[in-house]
Structures are given as structure tokens and as C-alpha cells.
């Protein structure tokens, strides 16, 4: 599979533009109970590509506006296997901010650093290539594994958004707001110099 026509490359994963075959694959994996719980979605049917894309484009941070939407597939290096997605939503005209979304859809790839690396690649693209000033995301308070990955990438907790996400059951639940600025990204990802004597 030649996914590398245009990509953002890391050591374990690379990001390519999300395409229909990736969406079909992810839809089949969307009924995983862990994903249903941590993503707050109703599993997608094979004919629901449109709803899948709408879900990726949903903004959960109230002060972020509608804007450009970019979605990438996370592909494992070596196997060239689509394992999840990362998106930037609500990129406004002055490129001041965007909301990030991410999911490792393939169960066997969760908890092994693939998501953290994909997150860092997306942040690098957002800050260095798009020139964004701020990237935010939301996470359910119980999702400690995701929260730790976001903190590793440099995100900081900004507060709680009470009753800000509507579950498929109709219940509204709290979300934790996390953000990172371009300056924090630059500070956090400063190249280190090692001197050998």
C-alpha cells in the first residue's frame, strides 16, 4: 500500500489524508466497548460514512468556532496499517486556534505510544505548518490513559466544561478542557544538545 504520497512521518507512525477505505475500516471497529465509552459515540453502520465524518468535525469546546477541517489516518510504520485517526477542526481564518480529536481504533495498538506519537505529529503540523496559536481538546474526566498521553505531549488542563457533551443516550456529561499554545509547544519540544567529552 503506497500511503506515503503525502505524509507526516514519525518513528512508529505516519499520518496521511483520511480516505474512504480508512473510514470503512474504522466504522467496522467503532463498536469496540472501550471506544464507545471513551469517544462518547453510538457505533457506526457500514452506510454511515457521513455520520462518521460529522462526528469527527463536531466541536466540543464552546469558544471555538466553525472553520476548516483536516483529518488524517494514523498508519503504523512497517505494516502500513491504518490504526486510527487524528483531526484538527474549527481552524479559523486567522489560524488562531483549532480543536484536536484523536482515536486509536485498532485495539492492539492502544497503550503502546502510537497515539502519543500521532498526537505530537499533529501538533507539529498545526503549529509549524499551519501557524496555529492554540490547540485545544476535550476528554472525559475518567479517561486517565488519554489524559496522560495529552500531558506527555504538552497539553495543560484548563478546567471543566460542565454538561458539555451529549451522549447517544441523551445524557449530558462533563468534559475536561486541555490546551497547548505555540509557545508552550516550542518550549516543550526544544531540541536538546548532548555534549560528549
C-alpha atoms as a PDB file:
ATOM      1  CA  UNK A   1       0.000   0.000   0.000  1.00  0.00           C
ATOM      2  CA  UNK A   2       1.552   3.341  -1.012  1.00  0.00           C
ATOM      3  CA  UNK A   3       0.200   5.657   1.672  1.00  0.00           C
ATOM      4  CA  UNK A   4       3.288   7.836   1.682  1.00  0.00           C
ATOM      5  CA  UNK A   5       2.382  10.170  -1.229  1.00  0.00           C
ATOM      6  CA  UNK A   6       1.990  12.976   1.329  1.00  0.00           C
ATOM      7  CA  UNK A   7       2.625  12.276   4.952  1.00  0.00           C
ATOM      8  CA  UNK A   8       3.906  13.427   8.302  1.00  0.00           C
ATOM      9  CA  UNK A   9       6.411  10.817   9.434  1.00  0.00           C
ATOM     10  CA  UNK A  10       7.409   9.649  12.868  1.00  0.00           C
ATOM     11  CA  UNK A  11       9.335   6.606  14.106  1.00  0.00           C
ATOM     12  CA  UNK A  12       6.331   4.330  14.727  1.00  0.00           C
ATOM     13  CA  UNK A  13       3.532   6.008  12.789  1.00  0.00           C
ATOM     14  CA  UNK A  14       2.949   8.368   9.931  1.00  0.00           C
ATOM     15  CA  UNK A  15      -0.090  10.495   9.108  1.00  0.00           C
ATOM     16  CA  UNK A  16      -1.784  10.588   5.698  1.00  0.00           C
ATOM     17  CA  UNK A  17      -5.007  12.180   4.480  1.00  0.00           C
ATOM     18  CA  UNK A  18      -8.038  10.236   5.712  1.00  0.00           C
ATOM     19  CA  UNK A  19      -9.705   8.414   2.795  1.00  0.00           C
ATOM     20  CA  UNK A  20     -12.831   6.310   2.169  1.00  0.00           C
ATOM     21  CA  UNK A  21     -11.074   2.963   2.692  1.00  0.00           C
ATOM     22  CA  UNK A  22      -9.782   4.160   6.082  1.00  0.00           C
ATOM     23  CA  UNK A  23     -13.258   5.347   7.080  1.00  0.00           C
ATOM     24  CA  UNK A  24     -14.781   1.976   6.088  1.00  0.00           C
ATOM     25  CA  UNK A  25     -12.172   0.219   8.230  1.00  0.00           C
ATOM     26  CA  UNK A  26     -12.743   2.490  11.233  1.00  0.00           C
ATOM     27  CA  UNK A  27     -16.515   2.141  11.016  1.00  0.00           C
ATOM     28  CA  UNK A  28     -16.137  -1.642  11.382  1.00  0.00           C
ATOM     29  CA  UNK A  29     -14.097  -1.084  14.564  1.00  0.00           C
ATOM     30  CA  UNK A  30     -16.375   1.600  16.055  1.00  0.00           C
ATOM     31  CA  UNK A  31     -18.442  -0.801  18.174  1.00  0.00           C
ATOM     32  CA  UNK A  32     -15.493  -1.653  20.444  1.00  0.00           C
ATOM     33  CA  UNK A  33     -16.848  -1.051  24.004  1.00  0.00           C
ATOM     34  CA  UNK A  34     -13.740   0.938  25.001  1.00  0.00           C
ATOM     35  CA  UNK A  35     -14.196   3.281  22.028  1.00  0.00           C
ATOM     36  CA  UNK A  36     -17.913   3.666  22.682  1.00  0.00           C
ATOM     37  CA  UNK A  37     -17.094   4.647  26.275  1.00  0.00           C
ATOM     38  CA  UNK A  38     -14.097   6.933  25.665  1.00  0.00           C
ATOM     39  CA  UNK A  39     -15.383   8.580  22.475  1.00  0.00           C
ATOM     40  CA  UNK A  40     -18.988   9.006  23.599  1.00  0.00           C
ATOM     41  CA  UNK A  41     -20.444   7.853  20.285  1.00  0.00           C
ATOM     42  CA  UNK A  42     -23.005   5.394  19.009  1.00  0.00           C
ATOM     43  CA  UNK A  43     -21.273   2.754  16.810  1.00  0.00           C
ATOM     44  CA  UNK A  44     -21.432   3.478  13.085  1.00  0.00           C
ATOM     45  CA  UNK A  45     -23.146   1.319  10.476  1.00  0.00           C
ATOM     46  CA  UNK A  46     -21.428   0.410   7.191  1.00  0.00           C
ATOM     47  CA  UNK A  47     -23.524   3.010   5.354  1.00  0.00           C
ATOM     48  CA  UNK A  48     -22.776   5.821   7.844  1.00  0.00           C
ATOM     49  CA  UNK A  49     -19.588   7.385   6.450  1.00  0.00           C
ATOM     50  CA  UNK A  50     -21.303  10.765   6.518  1.00  0.00           C
ATOM     51  CA  UNK A  51     -22.188  10.472  10.207  1.00  0.00           C
ATOM     52  CA  UNK A  52     -18.635   9.302  10.964  1.00  0.00           C
ATOM     53  CA  UNK A  53     -17.189  12.416   9.301  1.00  0.00           C
ATOM     54  CA  UNK A  54     -19.760  14.643  11.037  1.00  0.00           C
ATOM     55  CA  UNK A  55     -18.686  13.182  14.374  1.00  0.00           C
ATOM     56  CA  UNK A  56     -15.030  13.968  13.605  1.00  0.00           C
ATOM     57  CA  UNK A  57     -15.995  17.553  12.741  1.00  0.00           C
ATOM     58  CA  UNK A  58     -18.033  18.194  15.904  1.00  0.00           C
ATOM     59  CA  UNK A  59     -16.623  20.934  18.090  1.00  0.00           C
ATOM     60  CA  UNK A  60     -16.838  20.270  21.821  1.00  0.00           C
ATOM     61  CA  UNK A  61     -15.136  23.454  23.030  1.00  0.00           C
ATOM     62  CA  UNK A  62     -17.767  26.214  23.207  1.00  0.00           C
ATOM     63  CA  UNK A  63     -15.476  29.180  22.442  1.00  0.00           C
ATOM     64  CA  UNK A  64     -14.007  27.535  19.333  1.00  0.00           C
ATOM     65  CA  UNK A  65     -15.699  28.409  16.042  1.00  0.00           C
ATOM     66  CA  UNK A  66     -16.576  26.513  12.915  1.00  0.00           C
ATOM     67  CA  UNK A  67     -13.822  26.562  10.333  1.00  0.00           C
ATOM     68  CA  UNK A  68     -11.598  24.367   8.226  1.00  0.00           C
ATOM     69  CA  UNK A  69     -11.478  20.634   8.993  1.00  0.00           C
ATOM     70  CA  UNK A  70      -8.462  18.378   8.388  1.00  0.00           C
ATOM     71  CA  UNK A  71      -8.421  14.652   9.117  1.00  0.00           C
ATOM     72  CA  UNK A  72      -5.525  12.216   8.936  1.00  0.00           C
ATOM     73  CA  UNK A  73      -5.218   8.464   9.242  1.00  0.00           C
ATOM     74  CA  UNK A  74      -2.606   7.152  11.644  1.00  0.00           C
ATOM     75  CA  UNK A  75      -0.624   4.460   9.818  1.00  0.00           C
ATOM     76  CA  UNK A  76       1.784   2.074  11.564  1.00  0.00           C
ATOM     77  CA  UNK A  77       5.317   2.148  10.156  1.00  0.00           C
ATOM     78  CA  UNK A  78       6.448  -1.154   8.664  1.00  0.00           C
ATOM     79  CA  UNK A  79       2.991  -2.693   8.410  1.00  0.00           C
ATOM     80  CA  UNK A  80       1.415   0.306   6.662  1.00  0.00           C
ATOM     81  CA  UNK A  81      -1.749  -0.485   8.625  1.00  0.00           C
ATOM     82  CA  UNK A  82      -4.383   2.210   9.320  1.00  0.00           C
ATOM     83  CA  UNK A  83      -4.830   2.128  13.106  1.00  0.00           C
ATOM     84  CA  UNK A  84      -6.739   5.327  13.881  1.00  0.00           C
ATOM     85  CA  UNK A  85      -7.273   8.963  13.057  1.00  0.00           C
ATOM     86  CA  UNK A  86      -6.353  12.433  14.240  1.00  0.00           C
ATOM     87  CA  UNK A  87      -8.202  15.595  13.221  1.00  0.00           C
ATOM     88  CA  UNK A  88      -7.975  19.357  13.508  1.00  0.00           C
ATOM     89  CA  UNK A  89     -11.383  21.041  13.484  1.00  0.00           C
ATOM     90  CA  UNK A  90     -12.572  24.639  13.619  1.00  0.00           C
ATOM     91  CA  UNK A  91      -9.405  26.117  12.102  1.00  0.00           C
ATOM     92  CA  UNK A  92     -10.490  29.724  11.815  1.00  0.00           C
ATOM     93  CA  UNK A  93      -9.469  32.126   9.043  1.00  0.00           C
ATOM     94  CA  UNK A  94      -6.776  33.850  11.083  1.00  0.00           C
ATOM     95  CA  UNK A  95      -5.446  30.419  12.139  1.00  0.00           C
ATOM     96  CA  UNK A  96      -5.550  31.373  15.798  1.00  0.00           C
ATOM     97  CA  UNK A  97      -6.844  28.037  17.095  1.00  0.00           C
ATOM     98  CA  UNK A  98      -8.183  24.562  16.355  1.00  0.00           C
ATOM     99  CA  UNK A  99      -9.673  21.631  18.239  1.00  0.00           C
ATOM    100  CA  UNK A 100      -7.875  18.298  18.046  1.00  0.00           C
ATOM    101  CA  UNK A 101      -9.538  14.882  18.041  1.00  0.00           C
ATOM    102  CA  UNK A 102      -7.812  11.504  18.085  1.00  0.00           C
ATOM    103  CA  UNK A 103      -8.719   7.820  18.358  1.00  0.00           C
ATOM    104  CA  UNK A 104      -6.688   4.639  18.101  1.00  0.00           C
ATOM    105  CA  UNK A 105      -9.323   2.432  16.518  1.00  0.00           C
ATOM    106  CA  UNK A 106      -7.236  -0.782  16.458  1.00  0.00           C
ATOM    107  CA  UNK A 107      -7.407  -2.248  19.968  1.00  0.00           C
ATOM    108  CA  UNK A 108      -3.963  -3.927  19.851  1.00  0.00           C
ATOM    109  CA  UNK A 109      -2.262  -0.564  19.234  1.00  0.00           C
ATOM    110  CA  UNK A 110      -3.656   1.223  22.302  1.00  0.00           C
ATOM    111  CA  UNK A 111      -1.401   1.924  25.250  1.00  0.00           C
ATOM    112  CA  UNK A 112       1.847   1.438  23.309  1.00  0.00           C
ATOM    113  CA  UNK A 113       2.737   5.035  22.388  1.00  0.00           C
ATOM    114  CA  UNK A 114       1.252   5.105  18.877  1.00  0.00           C
ATOM    115  CA  UNK A 115      -1.352   7.688  19.868  1.00  0.00           C
ATOM    116  CA  UNK A 116       1.197   9.861  21.663  1.00  0.00           C
ATOM    117  CA  UNK A 117       3.429   9.949  18.591  1.00  0.00           C
ATOM    118  CA  UNK A 118       0.476  10.693  16.280  1.00  0.00           C
ATOM    119  CA  UNK A 119      -0.564  13.475  18.644  1.00  0.00           C
ATOM    120  CA  UNK A 120       2.917  15.020  18.506  1.00  0.00           C
ATOM    121  CA  UNK A 121       2.952  14.839  14.695  1.00  0.00           C
ATOM    122  CA  UNK A 122      -0.443  16.570  14.518  1.00  0.00           C
ATOM    123  CA  UNK A 123       0.711  19.270  16.947  1.00  0.00           C
ATOM    124  CA  UNK A 124       3.889  19.831  14.934  1.00  0.00           C
ATOM    125  CA  UNK A 125       1.799  20.195  11.780  1.00  0.00           C
ATOM    126  CA  UNK A 126      -0.679  22.532  13.472  1.00  0.00           C
ATOM    127  CA  UNK A 127       1.921  24.836  14.977  1.00  0.00           C
ATOM    128  CA  UNK A 128       4.760  24.695  12.461  1.00  0.00           C
ATOM    129  CA  UNK A 129       2.954  24.222   9.136  1.00  0.00           C
ATOM    130  CA  UNK A 130      -0.441  25.852   9.755  1.00  0.00           C
ATOM    131  CA  UNK A 131       0.889  28.508  12.139  1.00  0.00           C
ATOM    132  CA  UNK A 132      -1.832  27.952  14.761  1.00  0.00           C
ATOM    133  CA  UNK A 133      -1.505  29.837  18.050  1.00  0.00           C
ATOM    134  CA  UNK A 134      -3.558  27.446  20.216  1.00  0.00           C
ATOM    135  CA  UNK A 135      -4.763  23.841  20.009  1.00  0.00           C
ATOM    136  CA  UNK A 136      -7.348  22.507  22.425  1.00  0.00           C
ATOM    137  CA  UNK A 137      -9.162  19.252  23.062  1.00  0.00           C
ATOM    138  CA  UNK A 138     -11.645  17.737  25.457  1.00  0.00           C
ATOM    139  CA  UNK A 139     -11.535  14.432  27.284  1.00  0.00           C
ATOM    140  CA  UNK A 140     -13.896  12.608  29.622  1.00  0.00           C
ATOM    141  CA  UNK A 141     -12.718  13.002  33.252  1.00  0.00           C
ATOM    142  CA  UNK A 142     -12.480   9.198  33.703  1.00  0.00           C
ATOM    143  CA  UNK A 143     -10.181   8.702  30.674  1.00  0.00           C
ATOM    144  CA  UNK A 144      -6.866   8.799  32.515  1.00  0.00           C
ATOM    145  CA  UNK A 145      -4.871   6.977  29.807  1.00  0.00           C
ATOM    146  CA  UNK A 146      -5.752   9.642  27.230  1.00  0.00           C
ATOM    147  CA  UNK A 147      -5.187  12.455  29.729  1.00  0.00           C
ATOM    148  CA  UNK A 148      -1.656  11.163  30.458  1.00  0.00           C
ATOM    149  CA  UNK A 149      -0.880  10.975  26.720  1.00  0.00           C
ATOM    150  CA  UNK A 150      -2.091  14.560  26.256  1.00  0.00           C
ATOM    151  CA  UNK A 151       0.007  15.768  29.191  1.00  0.00           C
ATOM    152  CA  UNK A 152       3.061  13.948  27.760  1.00  0.00           C
ATOM    153  CA  UNK A 153       2.567  15.900  24.537  1.00  0.00           C
ATOM    154  CA  UNK A 154       2.476  19.193  26.492  1.00  0.00           C
ATOM    155  CA  UNK A 155      -1.248  19.854  26.944  1.00  0.00           C
ATOM    156  CA  UNK A 156      -2.339  21.512  30.186  1.00  0.00           C
ATOM    157  CA  UNK A 157      -5.672  21.212  31.943  1.00  0.00           C
ATOM    158  CA  UNK A 158      -7.659  24.428  31.699  1.00  0.00           C
ATOM    159  CA  UNK A 159     -10.804  23.441  33.539  1.00  0.00           C
ATOM    160  CA  UNK A 160     -14.045  21.538  33.438  1.00  0.00           C
ATOM    161  CA  UNK A 161     -16.772  22.113  30.856  1.00  0.00           C
ATOM    162  CA  UNK A 162     -19.912  21.108  32.762  1.00  0.00           C
ATOM    163  CA  UNK A 163     -22.552  19.131  30.861  1.00  0.00           C
ATOM    164  CA  UNK A 164     -20.894  19.975  27.541  1.00  0.00           C
ATOM    165  CA  UNK A 165     -21.089  16.630  25.680  1.00  0.00           C
ATOM    166  CA  UNK A 166     -24.274  14.816  24.773  1.00  0.00           C
ATOM    167  CA  UNK A 167     -24.024  11.037  24.889  1.00  0.00           C
ATOM    168  CA  UNK A 168     -26.065   8.870  22.495  1.00  0.00           C
ATOM    169  CA  UNK A 169     -28.424   8.190  25.446  1.00  0.00           C
ATOM    170  CA  UNK A 170     -29.291  11.899  25.561  1.00  0.00           C
ATOM    171  CA  UNK A 171     -27.449  12.458  28.854  1.00  0.00           C
ATOM    172  CA  UNK A 172     -25.139  15.486  29.072  1.00  0.00           C
ATOM    173  CA  UNK A 173     -21.763  14.905  30.746  1.00  0.00           C
ATOM    174  CA  UNK A 174     -18.762  16.973  31.838  1.00  0.00           C
ATOM    175  CA  UNK A 175     -15.584  17.226  29.771  1.00  0.00           C
ATOM    176  CA  UNK A 176     -12.075  18.316  30.790  1.00  0.00           C
ATOM    177  CA  UNK A 177     -10.656  21.114  28.626  1.00  0.00           C
ATOM    178  CA  UNK A 178      -6.951  20.853  27.784  1.00  0.00           C
ATOM    179  CA  UNK A 179      -4.932  23.268  25.650  1.00  0.00           C
ATOM    180  CA  UNK A 180      -1.428  23.963  24.421  1.00  0.00           C
ATOM    181  CA  UNK A 181      -0.100  27.201  22.895  1.00  0.00           C
ATOM    182  CA  UNK A 182       2.514  27.532  20.165  1.00  0.00           C
ATOM    183  CA  UNK A 183       4.933  28.968  22.751  1.00  0.00           C
ATOM    184  CA  UNK A 184       4.370  26.046  25.118  1.00  0.00           C
ATOM    185  CA  UNK A 185       4.876  23.648  22.203  1.00  0.00           C
ATOM    186  CA  UNK A 186       8.166  25.356  21.251  1.00  0.00           C
ATOM    187  CA  UNK A 187       9.357  25.288  24.873  1.00  0.00           C
ATOM    188  CA  UNK A 188       8.253  21.704  25.441  1.00  0.00           C
ATOM    189  CA  UNK A 189       9.799  20.436  22.214  1.00  0.00           C
ATOM    190  CA  UNK A 190      13.095  22.322  22.304  1.00  0.00           C
ATOM    191  CA  UNK A 191      15.865  20.306  20.699  1.00  0.00           C
ATOM    192  CA  UNK A 192      18.300  19.034  23.308  1.00  0.00           C
ATOM    193  CA  UNK A 193      22.044  19.114  22.818  1.00  0.00           C
ATOM    194  CA  UNK A 194      24.263  16.382  24.206  1.00  0.00           C
ATOM    195  CA  UNK A 195      27.959  17.084  24.576  1.00  0.00           C
ATOM    196  CA  UNK A 196      30.345  14.153  24.840  1.00  0.00           C
ATOM    197  CA  UNK A 197      33.777  14.629  26.343  1.00  0.00           C
END
